[in-house]
Amino acid sequence: MKIVKLAAGFAVGYVLGSRAGRDAYEKIAANARQLREHPTVRQAQEKATVALSSGTDAVTAKLHQAAVDTTPGPSTSATGKARPAPKKTAVITPVESAGQPLI
């Protein structure tokens, strides 16, 4: 993925920074369209779409379960086992020293 971003950055930089003008832009755009239409690239796009959609379903389910597990309620679950207490985090606030504001 980093390579694709790097290549896109170089292409944009070339088009915007070169004096070749419209011809260079047209060549790059034609190559990009040809690459986008390539069967291997299409298959990769479809696989990525399926992987992302199944991944988001799994993440959504985990987030939902985490939200259900941390909702306030009785200290025991439906099975009768005690639920662990949620972790508490300390909040540290800056204090002015001798009237001097902190920067």
PDB file of N, CA and C in Angstrom:
ATOM      1  N   MET A   1       0.820  -1.188   0.000  1.00  0.00           N
ATOM      2  CA  MET A   1       0.000   0.000   0.000  1.00  0.00           C
ATOM      3  C   MET A   1       0.868   1.258   0.000  1.00  0.00           C
ATOM      4  N   LYS A   2       2.002   1.207   0.709  1.00  0.00           N
ATOM      5  CA  LYS A   2       2.889   2.364   0.739  1.00  0.00           C
ATOM      6  C   LYS A   2       3.466   2.642  -0.639  1.00  0.00           C
ATOM      7  N   ILE A   3       3.741   1.563  -1.379  1.00  0.00           N
ATOM      8  CA  ILE A   3       4.318   1.723  -2.716  1.00  0.00           C
ATOM      9  C   ILE A   3       3.323   2.407  -3.642  1.00  0.00           C
ATOM     10  N   VAL A   4       2.039   2.042  -3.511  1.00  0.00           N
ATOM     11  CA  VAL A   4       1.015   2.659  -4.353  1.00  0.00           C
ATOM     12  C   VAL A   4       0.917   4.152  -4.054  1.00  0.00           C
ATOM     13  N   LYS A   5       0.946   4.495  -2.772  1.00  0.00           N
ATOM     14  CA  LYS A   5       0.882   5.910  -2.402  1.00  0.00           C
ATOM     15  C   LYS A   5       2.112   6.659  -2.899  1.00  0.00           C
ATOM     16  N   LEU A   6       3.270   6.019  -2.787  1.00  0.00           N
ATOM     17  CA  LEU A   6       4.497   6.645  -3.252  1.00  0.00           C
ATOM     18  C   LEU A   6       4.459   6.868  -4.759  1.00  0.00           C
ATOM     19  N   ALA A   7       3.998   5.851  -5.493  1.00  0.00           N
ATOM     20  CA  ALA A   7       3.905   5.979  -6.952  1.00  0.00           C
ATOM     21  C   ALA A   7       2.909   7.073  -7.328  1.00  0.00           C
ATOM     22  N   ALA A   8       1.788   7.128  -6.625  1.00  0.00           N
ATOM     23  CA  ALA A   8       0.797   8.174  -6.909  1.00  0.00           C
ATOM     24  C   ALA A   8       1.382   9.553  -6.620  1.00  0.00           C
ATOM     25  N   GLY A   9       2.142   9.655  -5.548  1.00  0.00           N
ATOM     26  CA  GLY A   9       2.781  10.931  -5.216  1.00  0.00           C
ATOM     27  C   GLY A   9       3.776  11.373  -6.277  1.00  0.00           C
ATOM     28  N   PHE A  10       4.562  10.410  -6.747  1.00  0.00           N
ATOM     29  CA  PHE A  10       5.508  10.742  -7.822  1.00  0.00           C
ATOM     30  C   PHE A  10       4.772  11.166  -9.083  1.00  0.00           C
ATOM     31  N   ALA A  11       3.703  10.457  -9.415  1.00  0.00           N
ATOM     32  CA  ALA A  11       2.948  10.789 -10.626  1.00  0.00           C
ATOM     33  C   ALA A  11       2.360  12.189 -10.525  1.00  0.00           C
ATOM     34  N   VAL A  12       1.761  12.501  -9.394  1.00  0.00           N
ATOM     35  CA  VAL A  12       1.167  13.831  -9.210  1.00  0.00           C
ATOM     36  C   VAL A  12       2.253  14.901  -9.243  1.00  0.00           C
ATOM     37  N   GLY A  13       3.362  14.620  -8.566  1.00  0.00           N
ATOM     38  CA  GLY A  13       4.459  15.585  -8.570  1.00  0.00           C
ATOM     39  C   GLY A  13       5.018  15.819  -9.956  1.00  0.00           C
ATOM     40  N   TYR A  14       5.121  14.757 -10.710  1.00  0.00           N
ATOM     41  CA  TYR A  14       5.622  14.884 -12.078  1.00  0.00           C
ATOM     42  C   TYR A  14       4.689  15.739 -12.922  1.00  0.00           C
ATOM     43  N   VAL A  15       3.396  15.440 -12.801  1.00  0.00           N
ATOM     44  CA  VAL A  15       2.430  16.179 -13.616  1.00  0.00           C
ATOM     45  C   VAL A  15       2.404  17.644 -13.220  1.00  0.00           C
ATOM     46  N   LEU A  16       2.384  17.913 -11.929  1.00  0.00           N
ATOM     47  CA  LEU A  16       2.284  19.298 -11.483  1.00  0.00           C
ATOM     48  C   LEU A  16       3.595  20.061 -11.635  1.00  0.00           C
ATOM     49  N   GLY A  17       4.719  19.349 -11.504  1.00  0.00           N
ATOM     50  CA  GLY A  17       5.992  20.046 -11.510  1.00  0.00           C
ATOM     51  C   GLY A  17       6.728  20.042 -12.827  1.00  0.00           C
ATOM     52  N   SER A  18       6.304  19.248 -13.766  1.00  0.00           N
ATOM     53  CA  SER A  18       7.057  19.166 -15.018  1.00  0.00           C
ATOM     54  C   SER A  18       6.592  20.227 -16.004  1.00  0.00           C
ATOM     55  N   ARG A  19       7.444  20.450 -16.978  1.00  0.00           N
ATOM     56  CA  ARG A  19       7.091  21.387 -18.032  1.00  0.00           C
ATOM     57  C   ARG A  19       6.563  20.644 -19.253  1.00  0.00           C
ATOM     58  N   ALA A  20       6.392  19.335 -19.100  1.00  0.00           N
ATOM     59  CA  ALA A  20       5.915  18.541 -20.230  1.00  0.00           C
ATOM     60  C   ALA A  20       4.474  18.875 -20.568  1.00  0.00           C
ATOM     61  N   GLY A  21       3.724  19.296 -19.569  1.00  0.00           N
ATOM     62  CA  GLY A  21       2.377  19.774 -19.803  1.00  0.00           C
ATOM     63  C   GLY A  21       1.337  18.695 -20.023  1.00  0.00           C
ATOM     64  N   ARG A  22       0.417  18.991 -20.887  1.00  0.00           N
ATOM     65  CA  ARG A  22      -0.767  18.161 -21.110  1.00  0.00           C
ATOM     66  C   ARG A  22      -0.428  16.772 -21.645  1.00  0.00           C
ATOM     67  N   ASP A  23       0.577  16.650 -22.480  1.00  0.00           N
ATOM     68  CA  ASP A  23       0.943  15.351 -23.042  1.00  0.00           C
ATOM     69  C   ASP A  23       1.348  14.368 -21.951  1.00  0.00           C
ATOM     70  N   ALA A  24       2.172  14.817 -21.025  1.00  0.00           N
ATOM     71  CA  ALA A  24       2.604  13.944 -19.927  1.00  0.00           C
ATOM     72  C   ALA A  24       1.405  13.551 -19.067  1.00  0.00           C
ATOM     73  N   TYR A  25       0.531  14.516 -18.813  1.00  0.00           N
ATOM     74  CA  TYR A  25      -0.673  14.218 -18.034  1.00  0.00           C
ATOM     75  C   TYR A  25      -1.532  13.168 -18.727  1.00  0.00           C
ATOM     76  N   GLU A  26      -1.716  13.312 -20.003  1.00  0.00           N
ATOM     77  CA  GLU A  26      -2.538  12.367 -20.759  1.00  0.00           C
ATOM     78  C   GLU A  26      -1.930  10.968 -20.742  1.00  0.00           C
ATOM     79  N   LYS A  27      -0.599  10.865 -20.848  1.00  0.00           N
ATOM     80  CA  LYS A  27       0.061   9.559 -20.785  1.00  0.00           C
ATOM     81  C   LYS A  27      -0.145   8.902 -19.421  1.00  0.00           C
ATOM     82  N   ILE A  28       0.030   9.679 -18.367  1.00  0.00           N
ATOM     83  CA  ILE A  28      -0.145   9.144 -17.017  1.00  0.00           C
ATOM     84  C   ILE A  28      -1.594   8.723 -16.795  1.00  0.00           C
ATOM     85  N   ALA A  29      -2.521   9.551 -17.219  1.00  0.00           N
ATOM     86  CA  ALA A  29      -3.940   9.230 -17.043  1.00  0.00           C
ATOM     87  C   ALA A  29      -4.314   7.981 -17.831  1.00  0.00           C
ATOM     88  N   ALA A  30      -3.789   7.842 -19.045  1.00  0.00           N
ATOM     89  CA  ALA A  30      -4.086   6.651 -19.855  1.00  0.00           C
ATOM     90  C   ALA A  30      -3.506   5.401 -19.205  1.00  0.00           C
ATOM     91  N   ASN A  31      -2.291   5.502 -18.683  1.00  0.00           N
ATOM     92  CA  ASN A  31      -1.683   4.361 -17.990  1.00  0.00           C
ATOM     93  C   ASN A  31      -2.472   3.995 -16.741  1.00  0.00           C
ATOM     94  N   ALA A  32      -2.942   4.987 -16.016  1.00  0.00           N
ATOM     95  CA  ALA A  32      -3.726   4.723 -14.811  1.00  0.00           C
ATOM     96  C   ALA A  32      -5.046   4.036 -15.161  1.00  0.00           C
ATOM     97  N   ARG A  33      -5.701   4.499 -16.222  1.00  0.00           N
ATOM     98  CA  ARG A  33      -6.949   3.860 -16.645  1.00  0.00           C
ATOM     99  C   ARG A  33      -6.707   2.424 -17.093  1.00  0.00           C
ATOM    100  N   GLN A  34      -5.618   2.218 -17.834  1.00  0.00           N
ATOM    101  CA  GLN A  34      -5.288   0.874 -18.306  1.00  0.00           C
ATOM    102  C   GLN A  34      -4.983  -0.039 -17.120  1.00  0.00           C
ATOM    103  N   LEU A  35      -4.264   0.459 -16.129  1.00  0.00           N
ATOM    104  CA  LEU A  35      -3.959  -0.334 -14.943  1.00  0.00           C
ATOM    105  C   LEU A  35      -5.228  -0.660 -14.165  1.00  0.00           C
ATOM    106  N   ARG A  36      -6.117   0.303 -14.034  1.00  0.00           N
ATOM    107  CA  ARG A  36      -7.364   0.108 -13.291  1.00  0.00           C
ATOM    108  C   ARG A  36      -8.243  -0.952 -13.947  1.00  0.00           C
ATOM    109  N   GLU A  37      -8.168  -1.053 -15.264  1.00  0.00           N
ATOM    110  CA  GLU A  37      -8.983  -2.025 -15.997  1.00  0.00           C
ATOM    111  C   GLU A  37      -8.344  -3.406 -16.087  1.00  0.00           C
ATOM    112  N   HIS A  38      -7.117  -3.566 -15.639  1.00  0.00           N
ATOM    113  CA  HIS A  38      -6.419  -4.850 -15.730  1.00  0.00           C
ATOM    114  C   HIS A  38      -7.136  -5.889 -14.859  1.00  0.00           C
ATOM    115  N   PRO A  39      -7.317  -7.134 -15.348  1.00  0.00           N
ATOM    116  CA  PRO A  39      -8.054  -8.168 -14.596  1.00  0.00           C
ATOM    117  C   PRO A  39      -7.448  -8.474 -13.222  1.00  0.00           C
ATOM    118  N   THR A  40      -6.132  -8.469 -13.117  1.00  0.00           N
ATOM    119  CA  THR A  40      -5.491  -8.755 -11.828  1.00  0.00           C
ATOM    120  C   THR A  40      -5.816  -7.664 -10.813  1.00  0.00           C
ATOM    121  N   VAL A  41      -5.808  -6.430 -11.263  1.00  0.00           N
ATOM    122  CA  VAL A  41      -6.119  -5.317 -10.369  1.00  0.00           C
ATOM    123  C   VAL A  41      -7.583  -5.392  -9.944  1.00  0.00           C
ATOM    124  N   ARG A  42      -8.459  -5.727 -10.869  1.00  0.00           N
ATOM    125  CA  ARG A  42      -9.887  -5.863 -10.530  1.00  0.00           C
ATOM    126  C   ARG A  42     -10.103  -6.955  -9.490  1.00  0.00           C
ATOM    127  N   GLN A  43      -9.419  -8.103  -9.664  1.00  0.00           N
ATOM    128  CA  GLN A  43      -9.551  -9.194  -8.693  1.00  0.00           C
ATOM    129  C   GLN A  43      -9.054  -8.744  -7.330  1.00  0.00           C
ATOM    130  N   ALA A  44      -7.940  -8.033  -7.294  1.00  0.00           N
ATOM    131  CA  ALA A  44      -7.400  -7.540  -6.027  1.00  0.00           C
ATOM    132  C   ALA A  44      -8.378  -6.574  -5.365  1.00  0.00           C
ATOM    133  N   GLN A  45      -9.018  -5.726  -6.164  1.00  0.00           N
ATOM    134  CA  GLN A  45     -10.008  -4.794  -5.613  1.00  0.00           C
ATOM    135  C   GLN A  45     -11.192  -5.545  -5.014  1.00  0.00           C
ATOM    136  N   GLU A  46     -11.658  -6.575  -5.712  1.00  0.00           N
ATOM    137  CA  GLU A  46     -12.793  -7.352  -5.212  1.00  0.00           C
ATOM    138  C   GLU A  46     -12.430  -8.077  -3.922  1.00  0.00           C
ATOM    139  N   LYS A  47     -11.225  -8.681  -3.888  1.00  0.00           N
ATOM    140  CA  LYS A  47     -10.778  -9.375  -2.673  1.00  0.00           C
ATOM    141  C   LYS A  47     -10.664  -8.401  -1.503  1.00  0.00           C
ATOM    142  N   ALA A  48     -10.123  -7.230  -1.766  1.00  0.00           N
ATOM    143  CA  ALA A  48      -9.978  -6.227  -0.707  1.00  0.00           C
ATOM    144  C   ALA A  48     -11.338  -5.773  -0.201  1.00  0.00           C
ATOM    145  N   THR A  49     -12.295  -5.597  -1.108  1.00  0.00           N
ATOM    146  CA  THR A  49     -13.638  -5.179  -0.706  1.00  0.00           C
ATOM    147  C   THR A  49     -14.294  -6.237   0.173  1.00  0.00           C
ATOM    148  N   VAL A  50     -14.163  -7.501  -0.215  1.00  0.00           N
ATOM    149  CA  VAL A  50     -14.741  -8.595   0.581  1.00  0.00           C
ATOM    150  C   VAL A  50     -14.060  -8.671   1.937  1.00  0.00           C
ATOM    151  N   ALA A  51     -12.725  -8.560   1.948  1.00  0.00           N
ATOM    152  CA  ALA A  51     -11.986  -8.636   3.210  1.00  0.00           C
ATOM    153  C   ALA A  51     -12.370  -7.485   4.136  1.00  0.00           C
ATOM    154  N   LEU A  52     -12.502  -6.296   3.579  1.00  0.00           N
ATOM    155  CA  LEU A  52     -12.872  -5.148   4.404  1.00  0.00           C
ATOM    156  C   LEU A  52     -14.287  -5.280   4.951  1.00  0.00           C
ATOM    157  N   SER A  53     -15.209  -5.747   4.129  1.00  0.00           N
ATOM    158  CA  SER A  53     -16.586  -5.856   4.608  1.00  0.00           C
ATOM    159  C   SER A  53     -16.702  -6.936   5.679  1.00  0.00           C
ATOM    160  N   SER A  54     -16.009  -8.065   5.508  1.00  0.00           N
ATOM    161  CA  SER A  54     -16.074  -9.102   6.542  1.00  0.00           C
ATOM    162  C   SER A  54     -15.335  -8.636   7.789  1.00  0.00           C
ATOM    163  N   GLY A  55     -14.251  -7.882   7.605  1.00  0.00           N
ATOM    164  CA  GLY A  55     -13.515  -7.354   8.753  1.00  0.00           C
ATOM    165  C   GLY A  55     -14.328  -6.350   9.536  1.00  0.00           C
ATOM    166  N   THR A  56     -15.072  -5.497   8.834  1.00  0.00           N
ATOM    167  CA  THR A  56     -15.877  -4.512   9.546  1.00  0.00           C
ATOM    168  C   THR A  56     -17.023  -5.182  10.299  1.00  0.00           C
ATOM    169  N   ASP A  57     -17.555  -6.278   9.743  1.00  0.00           N
ATOM    170  CA  ASP A  57     -18.601  -7.017  10.460  1.00  0.00           C
ATOM    171  C   ASP A  57     -18.050  -7.593  11.759  1.00  0.00           C
ATOM    172  N   ALA A  58     -16.846  -8.151  11.706  1.00  0.00           N
ATOM    173  CA  ALA A  58     -16.235  -8.731  12.898  1.00  0.00           C
ATOM    174  C   ALA A  58     -15.928  -7.654  13.927  1.00  0.00           C
ATOM    175  N   VAL A  59     -15.412  -6.518  13.468  1.00  0.00           N
ATOM    176  CA  VAL A  59     -15.097  -5.428  14.389  1.00  0.00           C
ATOM    177  C   VAL A  59     -16.371  -4.877  15.020  1.00  0.00           C
ATOM    178  N   THR A  60     -17.418  -4.730  14.227  1.00  0.00           N
ATOM    179  CA  THR A  60     -18.685  -4.236  14.753  1.00  0.00           C
ATOM    180  C   THR A  60     -19.227  -5.180  15.822  1.00  0.00           C
ATOM    181  N   ALA A  61     -19.138  -6.471  15.574  1.00  0.00           N
ATOM    182  CA  ALA A  61     -19.611  -7.451  16.562  1.00  0.00           C
ATOM    183  C   ALA A  61     -18.799  -7.364  17.850  1.00  0.00           C
ATOM    184  N   LYS A  62     -17.473  -7.226  17.731  1.00  0.00           N
ATOM    185  CA  LYS A  62     -16.627  -7.115  18.917  1.00  0.00           C
ATOM    186  C   LYS A  62     -16.916  -5.835  19.689  1.00  0.00           C
ATOM    187  N   LEU A  63     -17.100  -4.721  18.967  1.00  0.00           N
ATOM    188  CA  LEU A  63     -17.419  -3.466  19.645  1.00  0.00           C
ATOM    189  C   LEU A  63     -18.761  -3.552  20.364  1.00  0.00           C
ATOM    190  N   HIS A  64     -19.729  -4.195  19.723  1.00  0.00           N
ATOM    191  CA  HIS A  64     -21.028  -4.361  20.347  1.00  0.00           C
ATOM    192  C   HIS A  64     -20.899  -5.203  21.614  1.00  0.00           C
ATOM    193  N   GLN A  65     -20.139  -6.292  21.531  1.00  0.00           N
ATOM    194  CA  GLN A  65     -19.960  -7.148  22.701  1.00  0.00           C
ATOM    195  C   GLN A  65     -19.230  -6.399  23.810  1.00  0.00           C
ATOM    196  N   ALA A  66     -18.233  -5.595  23.457  1.00  0.00           N
ATOM    197  CA  ALA A  66     -17.507  -4.821  24.461  1.00  0.00           C
ATOM    198  C   ALA A  66     -18.428  -3.800  25.119  1.00  0.00           C
ATOM    199  N   ALA A  67     -19.304  -3.194  24.328  1.00  0.00           N
ATOM    200  CA  ALA A  67     -20.244  -2.225  24.887  1.00  0.00           C
ATOM    201  C   ALA A  67     -21.226  -2.901  25.829  1.00  0.00           C
ATOM    202  N   VAL A  68     -21.675  -4.094  25.465  1.00  0.00           N
ATOM    203  CA  VAL A  68     -22.603  -4.827  26.329  1.00  0.00           C
ATOM    204  C   VAL A  68     -21.907  -5.242  27.612  1.00  0.00           C
ATOM    205  N   ASP A  69     -20.651  -5.658  27.499  1.00  0.00           N
ATOM    206  CA  ASP A  69     -19.906  -6.108  28.682  1.00  0.00           C
ATOM    207  C   ASP A  69     -19.601  -4.975  29.645  1.00  0.00           C
ATOM    208  N   THR A  70     -19.495  -3.752  29.161  1.00  0.00           N
ATOM    209  CA  THR A  70     -19.119  -2.643  30.041  1.00  0.00           C
ATOM    210  C   THR A  70     -20.293  -1.767  30.452  1.00  0.00           C
ATOM    211  N   THR A  71     -21.506  -2.129  30.080  1.00  0.00           N
ATOM    212  CA  THR A  71     -22.648  -1.321  30.490  1.00  0.00           C
ATOM    213  C   THR A  71     -22.876  -1.482  31.977  1.00  0.00           C
ATOM    214  N   PRO A  72     -23.225  -0.400  32.663  1.00  0.00           N
ATOM    215  CA  PRO A  72     -23.475  -0.506  34.095  1.00  0.00           C
ATOM    216  C   PRO A  72     -24.696  -1.385  34.363  1.00  0.00           C
ATOM    217  N   GLY A  73     -24.635  -2.074  35.399  1.00  0.00           N
ATOM    218  CA  GLY A  73     -25.730  -2.957  35.741  1.00  0.00           C
ATOM    219  C   GLY A  73     -25.360  -3.744  36.978  1.00  0.00           C
ATOM    220  N   PRO A  74     -26.032  -4.846  37.228  1.00  0.00           N
ATOM    221  CA  PRO A  74     -25.702  -5.649  38.395  1.00  0.00           C
ATOM    222  C   PRO A  74     -24.257  -6.129  38.311  1.00  0.00           C
ATOM    223  N   SER A  75     -23.676  -6.419  39.469  1.00  0.00           N
ATOM    224  CA  SER A  75     -22.266  -6.800  39.516  1.00  0.00           C
ATOM    225  C   SER A  75     -22.050  -8.243  39.084  1.00  0.00           C
ATOM    226  N   THR A  76     -23.106  -8.969  38.786  1.00  0.00           N
ATOM    227  CA  THR A  76     -22.947 -10.337  38.310  1.00  0.00           C
ATOM    228  C   THR A  76     -23.596 -10.465  36.948  1.00  0.00           C
ATOM    229  N   SER A  77     -23.080 -11.367  36.164  1.00  0.00           N
ATOM    230  CA  SER A  77     -23.642 -11.577  34.843  1.00  0.00           C
ATOM    231  C   SER A  77     -24.790 -12.559  34.929  1.00  0.00           C
ATOM    232  N   ALA A  78     -25.371 -12.898  33.796  1.00  0.00           N
ATOM    233  CA  ALA A  78     -26.496 -13.826  33.763  1.00  0.00           C
ATOM    234  C   ALA A  78     -26.093 -15.215  34.239  1.00  0.00           C
ATOM    235  N   THR A  79     -24.810 -15.555  34.147  1.00  0.00           N
ATOM    236  CA  THR A  79     -24.354 -16.875  34.587  1.00  0.00           C
ATOM    237  C   THR A  79     -24.115 -16.923  36.081  1.00  0.00           C
ATOM    238  N   GLY A  80     -24.186 -15.777  36.738  1.00  0.00           N
ATOM    239  CA  GLY A  80     -23.981 -15.748  38.180  1.00  0.00           C
ATOM    240  C   GLY A  80     -22.541 -15.455  38.553  1.00  0.00           C
ATOM    241  N   LYS A  81     -21.668 -15.359  37.594  1.00  0.00           N
ATOM    242  CA  LYS A  81     -20.271 -15.055  37.877  1.00  0.00           C
ATOM    243  C   LYS A  81     -20.102 -13.551  37.985  1.00  0.00           C
ATOM    244  N   ALA A  82     -19.214 -13.150  38.863  1.00  0.00           N
ATOM    245  CA  ALA A  82     -18.954 -11.727  39.042  1.00  0.00           C
ATOM    246  C   ALA A  82     -18.231 -11.176  37.823  1.00  0.00           C
ATOM    247  N   ARG A  83     -18.692 -10.029  37.384  1.00  0.00           N
ATOM    248  CA  ARG A  83     -18.023  -9.363  36.285  1.00  0.00           C
ATOM    249  C   ARG A  83     -16.857  -8.556  36.830  1.00  0.00           C
ATOM    250  N   PRO A  84     -15.761  -8.492  36.101  1.00  0.00           N
ATOM    251  CA  PRO A  84     -14.652  -7.658  36.578  1.00  0.00           C
ATOM    252  C   PRO A  84     -15.038  -6.184  36.499  1.00  0.00           C
ATOM    253  N   ALA A  85     -14.536  -5.443  37.445  1.00  0.00           N
ATOM    254  CA  ALA A  85     -14.821  -4.011  37.474  1.00  0.00           C
ATOM    255  C   ALA A  85     -14.099  -3.340  36.326  1.00  0.00           C
ATOM    256  N   PRO A  86     -14.705  -2.311  35.727  1.00  0.00           N
ATOM    257  CA  PRO A  86     -14.032  -1.617  34.643  1.00  0.00           C
ATOM    258  C   PRO A  86     -12.771  -0.938  35.166  1.00  0.00           C
ATOM    259  N   LYS A  87     -11.762  -0.854  34.308  1.00  0.00           N
ATOM    260  CA  LYS A  87     -10.513  -0.221  34.695  1.00  0.00           C
ATOM    261  C   LYS A  87     -10.723   1.278  34.833  1.00  0.00           C
ATOM    262  N   LYS A  88     -10.132   1.835  35.883  1.00  0.00           N
ATOM    263  CA  LYS A  88     -10.215   3.274  36.092  1.00  0.00           C
ATOM    264  C   LYS A  88      -8.886   3.889  35.709  1.00  0.00           C
ATOM    265  N   THR A  89      -8.953   5.045  35.098  1.00  0.00           N
ATOM    266  CA  THR A  89      -7.737   5.737  34.712  1.00  0.00           C
ATOM    267  C   THR A  89      -7.652   7.032  35.487  1.00  0.00           C
ATOM    268  N   ALA A  90      -6.454   7.364  35.864  1.00  0.00           N
ATOM    269  CA  ALA A  90      -6.234   8.598  36.609  1.00  0.00           C
ATOM    270  C   ALA A  90      -6.159   9.761  35.639  1.00  0.00           C
ATOM    271  N   VAL A  91      -6.715  10.878  36.059  1.00  0.00           N
ATOM    272  CA  VAL A  91      -6.646  12.089  35.260  1.00  0.00           C
ATOM    273  C   VAL A  91      -5.693  13.034  35.960  1.00  0.00           C
ATOM    274  N   ILE A  92      -4.624  13.377  35.275  1.00  0.00           N
ATOM    275  CA  ILE A  92      -3.625  14.263  35.854  1.00  0.00           C
ATOM    276  C   ILE A  92      -3.783  15.621  35.203  1.00  0.00           C
ATOM    277  N   THR A  93      -3.976  16.619  36.027  1.00  0.00           N
ATOM    278  CA  THR A  93      -4.143  17.975  35.502  1.00  0.00           C
ATOM    279  C   THR A  93      -2.920  18.805  35.857  1.00  0.00           C
ATOM    280  N   PRO A  94      -2.478  19.673  34.968  1.00  0.00           N
ATOM    281  CA  PRO A  94      -1.319  20.518  35.267  1.00  0.00           C
ATOM    282  C   PRO A  94      -1.667  21.551  36.333  1.00  0.00           C
ATOM    283  N   VAL A  95      -0.719  21.842  37.176  1.00  0.00           N
ATOM    284  CA  VAL A  95      -0.924  22.794  38.252  1.00  0.00           C
ATOM    285  C   VAL A  95       0.077  23.929  38.064  1.00  0.00           C
ATOM    286  N   GLU A  96      -0.390  25.131  38.269  1.00  0.00           N
ATOM    287  CA  GLU A  96       0.520  26.268  38.145  1.00  0.00           C
ATOM    288  C   GLU A  96       1.460  26.274  39.349  1.00  0.00           C
ATOM    289  N   SER A  97       2.695  26.586  39.102  1.00  0.00           N
ATOM    290  CA  SER A  97       3.706  26.606  40.166  1.00  0.00           C
ATOM    291  C   SER A  97       4.049  28.049  40.479  1.00  0.00           C
ATOM    292  N   ALA A  98       3.829  28.457  41.686  1.00  0.00           N
ATOM    293  CA  ALA A  98       4.167  29.801  42.169  1.00  0.00           C
ATOM    294  C   ALA A  98       3.566  30.876  41.263  1.00  0.00           C
ATOM    295  N   GLY A  99       2.365  30.660  40.804  1.00  0.00           N
ATOM    296  CA  GLY A  99       1.688  31.654  40.003  1.00  0.00           C
ATOM    297  C   GLY A  99       2.163  31.740  38.561  1.00  0.00           C
ATOM    298  N   GLN A 100       3.128  30.919  38.165  1.00  0.00           N
ATOM    299  CA  GLN A 100       3.638  30.930  36.803  1.00  0.00           C
ATOM    300  C   GLN A 100       2.779  30.020  35.932  1.00  0.00           C
ATOM    301  N   PRO A 101       2.275  30.505  34.827  1.00  0.00           N
ATOM    302  CA  PRO A 101       1.479  29.641  33.954  1.00  0.00           C
ATOM    303  C   PRO A 101       2.364  28.588  33.286  1.00  0.00           C
ATOM    304  N   LEU A 102       1.800  27.427  33.105  1.00  0.00           N
ATOM    305  CA  LEU A 102       2.517  26.359  32.407  1.00  0.00           C
ATOM    306  C   LEU A 102       2.439  26.596  30.914  1.00  0.00           C
ATOM    307  N   ILE A 103       3.490  26.323  30.235  1.00  0.00           N
ATOM    308  CA  ILE A 103       3.515  26.521  28.780  1.00  0.00           C
ATOM    309  C   ILE A 103       3.548  25.185  28.101  1.00  0.00           C
TER     310      ILE A 103
END
